[in-house]
Amino acid sequence: QECMDVNVMRSRVQMSGSDVNVKSGLCNAEPHTLSQMRAYAIATRLTGDRSVDSLLLQAEYLHQADENWQQALQLYDDLMVASYQMEDHRDMATPAQWRQVYMGTSRCCFELGMYDKCIAIGPCAVAMNRHFPMVHRYIALAQEAKSDYAEAVKSMKHAILYEASWCDLTIQSNKLLLRNHPFYRV
């Protein structure tokens, strides 16, 4: 299945009139799948499940989907604090889950205007998987917001080179972002 940009998913949802809460930037997910994941996330919250999987589901499919960035950031922070309290934090979550935590934290920080924190934590996600769709995006947007256009251009060029190079839609989305922002003119 082709990787889809969040805006493509949103436009499909608006045309079909289905789930209006599809706002997550997840790859390889159709709106009905996102609805199912949202229902599962609600169930984990209602049962009080505080596992890594449950907290990540809640952060992405409830709080980020509803653009409640502060609550999503709180869940990501809870995961990081819990990991530091463990003897070996690698036992707590898989590398893919940690990439998800760092990427989610970076996006939430960007959305909340915490650009320095976004720029500081975003590279952790990039280091874990620079090929993952949208892993460079919020770093570049935060750099742009801080008027560091040269670094923003560099970040978006890395996104074009490395992110999901097998997915034309991801490449085109990154090129479009680069062309449509002031940092492109640097």
N, C-alpha and C. Protein backbone atom coordinates (compact mmCIF):
# COMPACT_ATOMS: atom_id res chain seq x y z
N GLN A 1 0.85 -1.18 0.00
CA GLN A 1 0.00 0.00 0.00
C GLN A 1 0.89 1.23 0.00
N GLU A 2 0.53 2.21 -0.78
CA GLU A 2 1.33 3.42 -0.90
C GLU A 2 1.26 4.25 0.37
N CYS A 3 2.38 4.86 0.72
CA CYS A 3 2.45 5.74 1.88
C CYS A 3 1.68 7.02 1.57
N MET A 4 0.84 7.44 2.51
CA MET A 4 0.02 8.63 2.26
C MET A 4 0.37 9.76 3.21
N ASP A 5 0.40 10.96 2.70
CA ASP A 5 0.60 12.15 3.50
C ASP A 5 -0.69 12.44 4.27
N VAL A 6 -0.54 13.06 5.43
CA VAL A 6 -1.70 13.35 6.27
C VAL A 6 -2.74 14.20 5.53
N ASN A 7 -2.29 15.15 4.71
CA ASN A 7 -3.24 16.00 3.99
C ASN A 7 -4.03 15.21 2.95
N VAL A 8 -3.39 14.21 2.35
CA VAL A 8 -4.10 13.35 1.40
C VAL A 8 -5.18 12.57 2.15
N MET A 9 -4.81 12.03 3.32
CA MET A 9 -5.79 11.29 4.11
C MET A 9 -6.94 12.19 4.53
N ARG A 10 -6.62 13.40 4.96
CA ARG A 10 -7.68 14.33 5.37
C ARG A 10 -8.62 14.65 4.22
N SER A 11 -8.07 14.87 3.02
CA SER A 11 -8.93 15.20 1.89
C SER A 11 -9.82 14.02 1.52
N ARG A 12 -9.30 12.79 1.63
CA ARG A 12 -10.12 11.61 1.37
C ARG A 12 -11.26 11.51 2.37
N VAL A 13 -10.94 11.82 3.62
CA VAL A 13 -11.95 11.75 4.67
C VAL A 13 -13.02 12.81 4.43
N GLN A 14 -12.60 14.03 4.07
CA GLN A 14 -13.57 15.10 3.83
C GLN A 14 -14.47 14.76 2.65
N MET A 15 -13.91 14.16 1.61
CA MET A 15 -14.71 13.79 0.45
C MET A 15 -15.69 12.66 0.78
N SER A 16 -15.22 11.72 1.61
CA SER A 16 -16.07 10.56 1.90
C SER A 16 -17.03 10.83 3.06
N GLY A 17 -16.76 11.87 3.85
CA GLY A 17 -17.61 12.18 4.99
C GLY A 17 -17.40 11.25 6.17
N SER A 18 -16.32 10.46 6.15
CA SER A 18 -16.07 9.54 7.26
C SER A 18 -15.31 10.25 8.38
N ASP A 19 -14.64 9.52 9.20
CA ASP A 19 -14.00 9.98 10.43
C ASP A 19 -13.34 11.35 10.31
N VAL A 20 -13.92 12.35 10.99
CA VAL A 20 -13.38 13.71 10.94
C VAL A 20 -12.19 13.89 11.86
N ASN A 21 -11.88 12.90 12.67
CA ASN A 21 -10.76 13.02 13.60
C ASN A 21 -9.44 12.52 13.03
N VAL A 22 -9.39 12.25 11.75
CA VAL A 22 -8.15 11.76 11.15
C VAL A 22 -7.20 12.94 10.98
N LYS A 23 -6.33 13.12 11.94
CA LYS A 23 -5.36 14.20 11.88
C LYS A 23 -3.96 13.70 12.16
N SER A 24 -3.81 12.43 12.39
CA SER A 24 -2.51 11.86 12.67
C SER A 24 -1.71 11.77 11.39
N GLY A 25 -0.41 11.99 11.47
CA GLY A 25 0.45 11.92 10.29
C GLY A 25 0.99 10.53 10.08
N LEU A 26 0.20 9.52 10.31
CA LEU A 26 0.70 8.16 10.21
C LEU A 26 0.75 7.68 8.77
N CYS A 27 1.72 6.85 8.51
CA CYS A 27 1.94 6.31 7.18
C CYS A 27 1.23 4.97 7.04
N ASN A 28 0.84 4.64 5.84
CA ASN A 28 0.23 3.35 5.52
C ASN A 28 -1.04 3.08 6.30
N ALA A 29 -1.85 4.07 6.51
CA ALA A 29 -3.09 3.87 7.26
C ALA A 29 -4.25 4.53 6.54
N GLU A 30 -5.28 3.78 6.34
CA GLU A 30 -6.52 4.30 5.77
C GLU A 30 -7.38 4.86 6.90
N PRO A 31 -8.31 5.75 6.60
CA PRO A 31 -9.15 6.33 7.65
C PRO A 31 -9.87 5.32 8.52
N HIS A 32 -10.37 4.21 7.95
CA HIS A 32 -11.06 3.23 8.80
C HIS A 32 -10.10 2.57 9.78
N THR A 33 -8.84 2.39 9.38
CA THR A 33 -7.84 1.83 10.28
C THR A 33 -7.55 2.81 11.40
N LEU A 34 -7.46 4.10 11.06
CA LEU A 34 -7.21 5.11 12.09
C LEU A 34 -8.38 5.16 13.08
N SER A 35 -9.60 5.00 12.60
CA SER A 35 -10.76 4.97 13.49
C SER A 35 -10.68 3.79 14.45
N GLN A 36 -10.27 2.64 13.94
CA GLN A 36 -10.12 1.46 14.79
C GLN A 36 -9.04 1.68 15.84
N MET A 37 -7.93 2.29 15.43
CA MET A 37 -6.84 2.55 16.38
C MET A 37 -7.28 3.56 17.43
N ARG A 38 -8.07 4.53 17.03
CA ARG A 38 -8.59 5.52 17.98
C ARG A 38 -9.49 4.83 19.01
N ALA A 39 -10.33 3.93 18.56
CA ALA A 39 -11.21 3.19 19.48
C ALA A 39 -10.38 2.35 20.45
N TYR A 40 -9.34 1.73 19.94
CA TYR A 40 -8.46 0.93 20.80
C TYR A 40 -7.75 1.82 21.82
N ALA A 41 -7.31 3.00 21.39
CA ALA A 41 -6.65 3.94 22.30
C ALA A 41 -7.60 4.38 23.41
N ILE A 42 -8.85 4.63 23.07
CA ILE A 42 -9.85 5.00 24.08
C ILE A 42 -10.02 3.86 25.08
N ALA A 43 -10.06 2.64 24.57
CA ALA A 43 -10.22 1.47 25.45
C ALA A 43 -9.04 1.34 26.41
N THR A 44 -7.82 1.60 25.92
CA THR A 44 -6.65 1.48 26.80
C THR A 44 -6.68 2.56 27.88
N ARG A 45 -7.17 3.74 27.52
CA ARG A 45 -7.26 4.81 28.52
C ARG A 45 -8.31 4.47 29.57
N LEU A 46 -9.44 3.94 29.13
CA LEU A 46 -10.52 3.60 30.07
C LEU A 46 -10.12 2.48 31.02
N THR A 47 -9.27 1.57 30.56
CA THR A 47 -8.84 0.46 31.43
C THR A 47 -7.68 0.85 32.33
N GLY A 48 -7.12 2.03 32.10
CA GLY A 48 -6.00 2.49 32.93
C GLY A 48 -4.68 1.86 32.54
N ASP A 49 -4.60 1.26 31.37
CA ASP A 49 -3.38 0.61 30.89
C ASP A 49 -2.30 1.67 30.69
N ARG A 50 -1.14 1.51 31.35
CA ARG A 50 -0.05 2.48 31.25
C ARG A 50 1.18 1.86 30.57
N SER A 51 0.97 0.83 29.76
CA SER A 51 2.09 0.24 29.04
C SER A 51 2.58 1.21 27.96
N VAL A 52 3.76 0.94 27.45
CA VAL A 52 4.32 1.79 26.40
C VAL A 52 3.38 1.84 25.20
N ASP A 53 2.92 0.67 24.76
CA ASP A 53 2.02 0.64 23.61
C ASP A 53 0.77 1.47 23.85
N SER A 54 0.19 1.35 25.03
CA SER A 54 -1.04 2.07 25.33
C SER A 54 -0.82 3.58 25.38
N LEU A 55 0.26 4.00 25.98
CA LEU A 55 0.54 5.43 26.06
C LEU A 55 0.82 6.02 24.67
N LEU A 56 1.51 5.27 23.84
CA LEU A 56 1.76 5.74 22.48
C LEU A 56 0.46 5.81 21.68
N LEU A 57 -0.40 4.82 21.83
CA LEU A 57 -1.71 4.86 21.16
C LEU A 57 -2.49 6.10 21.59
N GLN A 58 -2.52 6.35 22.90
CA GLN A 58 -3.27 7.49 23.42
C GLN A 58 -2.67 8.80 22.93
N ALA A 59 -1.34 8.91 22.94
CA ALA A 59 -0.69 10.14 22.51
C ALA A 59 -1.00 10.44 21.03
N GLU A 60 -0.92 9.41 20.19
CA GLU A 60 -1.10 9.64 18.76
C GLU A 60 -2.55 9.69 18.33
N TYR A 61 -3.34 8.71 18.75
CA TYR A 61 -4.69 8.57 18.19
C TYR A 61 -5.76 9.35 18.96
N LEU A 62 -5.42 9.82 20.15
CA LEU A 62 -6.37 10.65 20.89
C LEU A 62 -5.90 12.09 20.91
N HIS A 63 -4.77 12.32 21.55
CA HIS A 63 -4.35 13.70 21.79
C HIS A 63 -3.83 14.40 20.53
N GLN A 64 -2.93 13.77 19.77
CA GLN A 64 -2.46 14.42 18.54
C GLN A 64 -3.58 14.52 17.52
N ALA A 65 -4.39 13.48 17.42
CA ALA A 65 -5.50 13.51 16.46
C ALA A 65 -6.47 14.64 16.76
N ASP A 66 -6.62 14.97 18.04
CA ASP A 66 -7.50 16.07 18.46
C ASP A 66 -6.75 17.39 18.59
N GLU A 67 -5.46 17.37 18.21
CA GLU A 67 -4.58 18.53 18.32
C GLU A 67 -4.47 19.04 19.75
N ASN A 68 -4.50 18.11 20.68
CA ASN A 68 -4.28 18.42 22.09
C ASN A 68 -2.81 18.13 22.37
N TRP A 69 -1.98 19.05 21.91
CA TRP A 69 -0.53 18.86 21.91
C TRP A 69 0.03 18.75 23.32
N GLN A 70 -0.51 19.52 24.25
CA GLN A 70 0.02 19.51 25.62
C GLN A 70 -0.17 18.13 26.28
N GLN A 71 -1.34 17.54 26.11
CA GLN A 71 -1.58 16.22 26.71
C GLN A 71 -0.75 15.14 26.03
N ALA A 72 -0.60 15.23 24.72
CA ALA A 72 0.25 14.26 24.02
C ALA A 72 1.69 14.40 24.50
N LEU A 73 2.16 15.63 24.62
CA LEU A 73 3.52 15.87 25.11
C LEU A 73 3.70 15.32 26.52
N GLN A 74 2.69 15.46 27.35
CA GLN A 74 2.77 14.93 28.71
C GLN A 74 2.94 13.40 28.71
N LEU A 75 2.24 12.72 27.83
CA LEU A 75 2.40 11.26 27.74
C LEU A 75 3.80 10.88 27.26
N TYR A 76 4.30 11.60 26.27
CA TYR A 76 5.66 11.33 25.80
C TYR A 76 6.67 11.60 26.92
N ASP A 77 6.49 12.70 27.64
CA ASP A 77 7.38 13.01 28.76
C ASP A 77 7.31 11.94 29.83
N ASP A 78 6.09 11.44 30.12
CA ASP A 78 5.93 10.36 31.10
C ASP A 78 6.73 9.13 30.70
N LEU A 79 6.71 8.81 29.42
CA LEU A 79 7.49 7.66 28.94
C LEU A 79 8.98 7.88 29.13
N MET A 80 9.45 9.09 28.83
CA MET A 80 10.88 9.38 28.98
C MET A 80 11.29 9.33 30.45
N VAL A 81 10.48 9.92 31.32
CA VAL A 81 10.80 9.91 32.76
C VAL A 81 10.82 8.48 33.28
N ALA A 82 9.84 7.68 32.89
CA ALA A 82 9.78 6.29 33.34
C ALA A 82 11.02 5.52 32.88
N SER A 83 11.49 5.82 31.67
CA SER A 83 12.66 5.10 31.16
C SER A 83 13.92 5.45 31.95
N TYR A 84 14.02 6.69 32.39
CA TYR A 84 15.20 7.09 33.16
C TYR A 84 15.19 6.48 34.55
N GLN A 85 14.04 6.08 35.03
CA GLN A 85 13.93 5.48 36.35
C GLN A 85 14.22 3.98 36.32
N MET A 86 14.33 3.41 35.13
CA MET A 86 14.61 1.99 34.99
C MET A 86 16.11 1.76 34.95
N GLU A 87 16.52 0.58 35.38
CA GLU A 87 17.93 0.25 35.35
C GLU A 87 18.45 0.18 33.91
N ASP A 88 17.68 -0.46 33.03
CA ASP A 88 18.05 -0.54 31.63
C ASP A 88 16.86 -0.11 30.80
N HIS A 89 16.88 1.14 30.33
CA HIS A 89 15.73 1.69 29.62
C HIS A 89 15.43 0.96 28.31
N ARG A 90 16.39 0.19 27.78
CA ARG A 90 16.14 -0.54 26.54
C ARG A 90 15.09 -1.63 26.74
N ASP A 91 14.91 -2.07 27.98
CA ASP A 91 13.89 -3.08 28.28
C ASP A 91 12.48 -2.50 28.20
N MET A 92 12.37 -1.19 28.28
CA MET A 92 11.06 -0.55 28.35
C MET A 92 10.36 -0.50 27.00
N ALA A 93 11.09 -0.19 25.95
CA ALA A 93 10.46 0.01 24.63
C ALA A 93 11.42 -0.42 23.53
N THR A 94 10.84 -0.70 22.38
CA THR A 94 11.65 -1.07 21.21
C THR A 94 12.24 0.20 20.58
N PRO A 95 13.25 0.06 19.74
CA PRO A 95 13.77 1.24 19.04
C PRO A 95 12.70 1.96 18.23
N ALA A 96 11.81 1.22 17.59
CA ALA A 96 10.74 1.86 16.82
C ALA A 96 9.82 2.67 17.73
N GLN A 97 9.57 2.17 18.93
CA GLN A 97 8.73 2.91 19.88
C GLN A 97 9.45 4.17 20.35
N TRP A 98 10.76 4.08 20.57
CA TRP A 98 11.50 5.27 20.98
C TRP A 98 11.51 6.31 19.87
N ARG A 99 11.64 5.86 18.60
CA ARG A 99 11.56 6.79 17.49
C ARG A 99 10.20 7.49 17.49
N GLN A 100 9.18 6.73 17.78
CA GLN A 100 7.82 7.27 17.85
C GLN A 100 7.71 8.31 18.97
N VAL A 101 8.32 8.03 20.11
CA VAL A 101 8.30 8.98 21.23
C VAL A 101 9.03 10.26 20.84
N TYR A 102 10.22 10.14 20.28
CA TYR A 102 10.99 11.33 19.91
C TYR A 102 10.32 12.12 18.80
N MET A 103 9.77 11.42 17.81
CA MET A 103 9.07 12.11 16.72
C MET A 103 7.82 12.82 17.23
N GLY A 104 7.07 12.13 18.08
CA GLY A 104 5.86 12.73 18.64
C GLY A 104 6.18 13.94 19.51
N THR A 105 7.24 13.82 20.30
CA THR A 105 7.66 14.93 21.15
C THR A 105 8.07 16.12 20.29
N SER A 106 8.82 15.84 19.24
CA SER A 106 9.26 16.91 18.34
C SER A 106 8.06 17.63 17.72
N ARG A 107 7.08 16.86 17.25
CA ARG A 107 5.90 17.49 16.64
C ARG A 107 5.12 18.31 17.66
N CYS A 108 4.90 17.75 18.84
CA CYS A 108 4.15 18.48 19.88
C CYS A 108 4.87 19.77 20.26
N CYS A 109 6.18 19.69 20.42
CA CYS A 109 6.95 20.89 20.76
C CYS A 109 6.82 21.94 19.67
N PHE A 110 6.88 21.51 18.41
CA PHE A 110 6.70 22.46 17.31
C PHE A 110 5.32 23.11 17.39
N GLU A 111 4.29 22.31 17.54
CA GLU A 111 2.92 22.82 17.56
C GLU A 111 2.67 23.75 18.74
N LEU A 112 3.41 23.55 19.83
CA LEU A 112 3.27 24.40 21.02
C LEU A 112 4.20 25.61 21.00
N GLY A 113 4.99 25.76 19.93
CA GLY A 113 5.91 26.89 19.82
C GLY A 113 7.17 26.72 20.63
N MET A 114 7.47 25.51 21.03
CA MET A 114 8.69 25.21 21.80
C MET A 114 9.78 24.78 20.80
N TYR A 115 10.22 25.71 20.00
CA TYR A 115 11.07 25.40 18.86
C TYR A 115 12.44 24.86 19.26
N ASP A 116 13.04 25.41 20.31
CA ASP A 116 14.36 24.93 20.73
C ASP A 116 14.29 23.46 21.15
N LYS A 117 13.25 23.10 21.89
CA LYS A 117 13.10 21.71 22.32
C LYS A 117 12.83 20.81 21.12
N CYS A 118 12.04 21.27 20.18
CA CYS A 118 11.76 20.52 18.95
C CYS A 118 13.06 20.23 18.20
N ILE A 119 13.87 21.24 18.04
CA ILE A 119 15.14 21.11 17.32
C ILE A 119 16.11 20.22 18.10
N ALA A 120 16.05 20.26 19.42
CA ALA A 120 16.95 19.45 20.24
C ALA A 120 16.58 17.98 20.22
N ILE A 121 15.29 17.67 20.28
CA ILE A 121 14.88 16.27 20.40
C ILE A 121 14.62 15.60 19.06
N GLY A 122 14.29 16.37 18.04
CA GLY A 122 14.02 15.80 16.72
C GLY A 122 15.14 14.94 16.15
N PRO A 123 16.39 15.36 16.28
CA PRO A 123 17.49 14.54 15.75
C PRO A 123 17.60 13.15 16.39
N CYS A 124 17.05 12.97 17.57
CA CYS A 124 17.04 11.63 18.18
C CYS A 124 16.20 10.69 17.31
N ALA A 125 15.06 11.16 16.83
CA ALA A 125 14.22 10.34 15.95
C ALA A 125 14.91 10.11 14.61
N VAL A 126 15.56 11.15 14.09
CA VAL A 126 16.28 11.02 12.82
C VAL A 126 17.38 9.98 12.96
N ALA A 127 18.11 10.02 14.07
CA ALA A 127 19.21 9.07 14.30
C ALA A 127 18.69 7.63 14.36
N MET A 128 17.47 7.46 14.84
CA MET A 128 16.91 6.12 14.96
C MET A 128 16.41 5.58 13.62
N ASN A 129 15.89 6.46 12.76
CA ASN A 129 15.42 6.03 11.44
C ASN A 129 15.22 7.24 10.55
N ARG A 130 16.26 7.63 9.85
CA ARG A 130 16.17 8.82 9.00
C ARG A 130 15.30 8.60 7.78
N HIS A 131 14.90 7.36 7.53
CA HIS A 131 14.06 7.06 6.36
C HIS A 131 12.57 7.12 6.67
N PHE A 132 12.22 7.31 7.94
CA PHE A 132 10.81 7.30 8.32
C PHE A 132 10.12 8.57 7.83
N PRO A 133 8.93 8.45 7.22
CA PRO A 133 8.24 9.63 6.69
C PRO A 133 8.00 10.69 7.76
N MET A 134 8.29 11.92 7.41
CA MET A 134 8.06 13.12 8.22
C MET A 134 9.01 13.26 9.41
N VAL A 135 10.05 12.46 9.49
CA VAL A 135 10.95 12.53 10.64
C VAL A 135 11.75 13.84 10.67
N HIS A 136 11.99 14.45 9.51
CA HIS A 136 12.74 15.72 9.45
C HIS A 136 11.84 16.95 9.48
N ARG A 137 10.56 16.77 9.18
CA ARG A 137 9.65 17.89 8.91
C ARG A 137 9.57 18.92 10.03
N TYR A 138 9.31 18.49 11.25
CA TYR A 138 9.09 19.46 12.32
C TYR A 138 10.38 20.13 12.77
N ILE A 139 11.49 19.45 12.56
CA ILE A 139 12.79 20.09 12.82
C ILE A 139 12.94 21.26 11.85
N ALA A 140 12.69 21.02 10.57
CA ALA A 140 12.82 22.07 9.55
C ALA A 140 11.84 23.21 9.82
N LEU A 141 10.61 22.89 10.16
CA LEU A 141 9.63 23.95 10.42
C LEU A 141 10.00 24.77 11.67
N ALA A 142 10.57 24.11 12.68
CA ALA A 142 11.01 24.84 13.88
C ALA A 142 12.20 25.73 13.54
N GLN A 143 13.10 25.22 12.71
CA GLN A 143 14.24 26.03 12.29
C GLN A 143 13.77 27.25 11.50
N GLU A 144 12.77 27.03 10.66
CA GLU A 144 12.19 28.15 9.91
C GLU A 144 11.56 29.16 10.86
N ALA A 145 10.83 28.69 11.86
CA ALA A 145 10.17 29.58 12.81
C ALA A 145 11.18 30.41 13.59
N LYS A 146 12.38 29.88 13.77
CA LYS A 146 13.44 30.62 14.46
C LYS A 146 14.30 31.42 13.48
N SER A 147 13.87 31.49 12.23
CA SER A 147 14.56 32.23 11.17
C SER A 147 15.95 31.66 10.85
N ASP A 148 16.16 30.39 11.14
CA ASP A 148 17.40 29.72 10.79
C ASP A 148 17.17 29.01 9.45
N TYR A 149 17.05 29.82 8.40
CA TYR A 149 16.65 29.30 7.10
C TYR A 149 17.66 28.34 6.49
N ALA A 150 18.94 28.59 6.69
CA ALA A 150 19.96 27.70 6.12
C ALA A 150 19.82 26.29 6.69
N GLU A 151 19.61 26.18 7.99
CA GLU A 151 19.44 24.86 8.60
C GLU A 151 18.12 24.23 8.19
N ALA A 152 17.09 25.04 8.02
CA ALA A 152 15.79 24.52 7.59
C ALA A 152 15.90 23.91 6.18
N VAL A 153 16.60 24.59 5.30
CA VAL A 153 16.82 24.07 3.95
C VAL A 153 17.59 22.76 4.02
N LYS A 154 18.62 22.73 4.84
CA LYS A 154 19.43 21.52 5.00
C LYS A 154 18.56 20.36 5.51
N SER A 155 17.72 20.62 6.50
CA SER A 155 16.85 19.57 7.05
C SER A 155 15.87 19.06 6.00
N MET A 156 15.27 19.96 5.22
CA MET A 156 14.31 19.52 4.21
C MET A 156 15.00 18.79 3.06
N LYS A 157 16.21 19.18 2.73
CA LYS A 157 16.95 18.43 1.70
C LYS A 157 17.26 17.03 2.19
N HIS A 158 17.56 16.89 3.47
CA HIS A 158 17.76 15.55 4.04
C HIS A 158 16.47 14.75 3.97
N ALA A 159 15.35 15.41 4.23
CA ALA A 159 14.05 14.73 4.14
C ALA A 159 13.82 14.21 2.72
N ILE A 160 14.12 15.03 1.74
CA ILE A 160 13.92 14.63 0.34
C ILE A 160 14.83 13.47 -0.03
N LEU A 161 16.07 13.50 0.45
CA LEU A 161 17.03 12.45 0.13
C LEU A 161 16.75 11.13 0.83
N TYR A 162 16.34 11.20 2.11
CA TYR A 162 16.31 9.99 2.92
C TYR A 162 14.93 9.43 3.25
N GLU A 163 13.94 10.29 3.44
CA GLU A 163 12.64 9.80 3.92
C GLU A 163 11.91 9.00 2.86
N ALA A 164 11.59 7.79 3.19
CA ALA A 164 10.77 6.91 2.35
C ALA A 164 11.07 7.09 0.87
N SER A 165 12.33 6.88 0.50
CA SER A 165 12.75 7.10 -0.89
C SER A 165 12.00 6.20 -1.87
N TRP A 166 11.33 5.19 -1.38
CA TRP A 166 10.53 4.30 -2.21
C TRP A 166 9.11 4.83 -2.44
N CYS A 167 8.76 5.92 -1.76
CA CYS A 167 7.39 6.43 -1.80
C CYS A 167 7.37 7.80 -2.50
N ASP A 168 6.88 7.82 -3.73
CA ASP A 168 6.85 9.07 -4.50
C ASP A 168 6.05 10.16 -3.80
N LEU A 169 4.98 9.79 -3.13
CA LEU A 169 4.14 10.78 -2.47
C LEU A 169 4.91 11.49 -1.34
N THR A 170 5.69 10.74 -0.58
CA THR A 170 6.49 11.34 0.49
C THR A 170 7.53 12.29 -0.11
N ILE A 171 8.19 11.87 -1.16
CA ILE A 171 9.21 12.71 -1.80
C ILE A 171 8.57 14.00 -2.32
N GLN A 172 7.43 13.87 -3.01
CA GLN A 172 6.75 15.05 -3.55
C GLN A 172 6.26 15.98 -2.44
N SER A 173 5.76 15.40 -1.36
CA SER A 173 5.29 16.20 -0.22
C SER A 173 6.44 17.00 0.38
N ASN A 174 7.60 16.38 0.52
CA ASN A 174 8.76 17.09 1.06
C ASN A 174 9.27 18.16 0.11
N LYS A 175 9.27 17.87 -1.18
CA LYS A 175 9.68 18.88 -2.16
C LYS A 175 8.73 20.07 -2.14
N LEU A 176 7.44 19.79 -2.04
CA LEU A 176 6.44 20.85 -1.99
C LEU A 176 6.63 21.71 -0.75
N LEU A 177 6.87 21.07 0.39
CA LEU A 177 7.11 21.83 1.62
C LEU A 177 8.33 22.72 1.47
N LEU A 178 9.38 22.20 0.88
CA LEU A 178 10.60 22.98 0.67
C LEU A 178 10.33 24.18 -0.24
N ARG A 179 9.63 23.96 -1.34
CA ARG A 179 9.36 25.04 -2.30
C ARG A 179 8.41 26.10 -1.77
N ASN A 180 7.47 25.73 -0.90
CA ASN A 180 6.41 26.64 -0.47
C ASN A 180 6.71 27.40 0.82
N HIS A 181 7.92 27.32 1.31
CA HIS A 181 8.25 28.03 2.55
C HIS A 181 9.34 29.05 2.28
N PRO A 182 9.36 30.10 3.07
CA PRO A 182 10.36 31.17 2.87
C PRO A 182 11.79 30.67 2.92
N PHE A 183 12.05 29.59 3.66
CA PHE A 183 13.44 29.15 3.76
C PHE A 183 13.97 28.62 2.43
N TYR A 184 13.11 28.33 1.46
CA TYR A 184 13.54 27.84 0.16
C TYR A 184 14.37 28.87 -0.58
N ARG A 185 14.12 30.13 -0.34
CA ARG A 185 14.77 31.21 -1.07
C ARG A 185 16.19 31.49 -0.58
N VAL A 186 16.62 30.75 0.41
CA VAL A 186 17.98 30.98 0.96
C VAL A 186 19.02 30.47 0.01
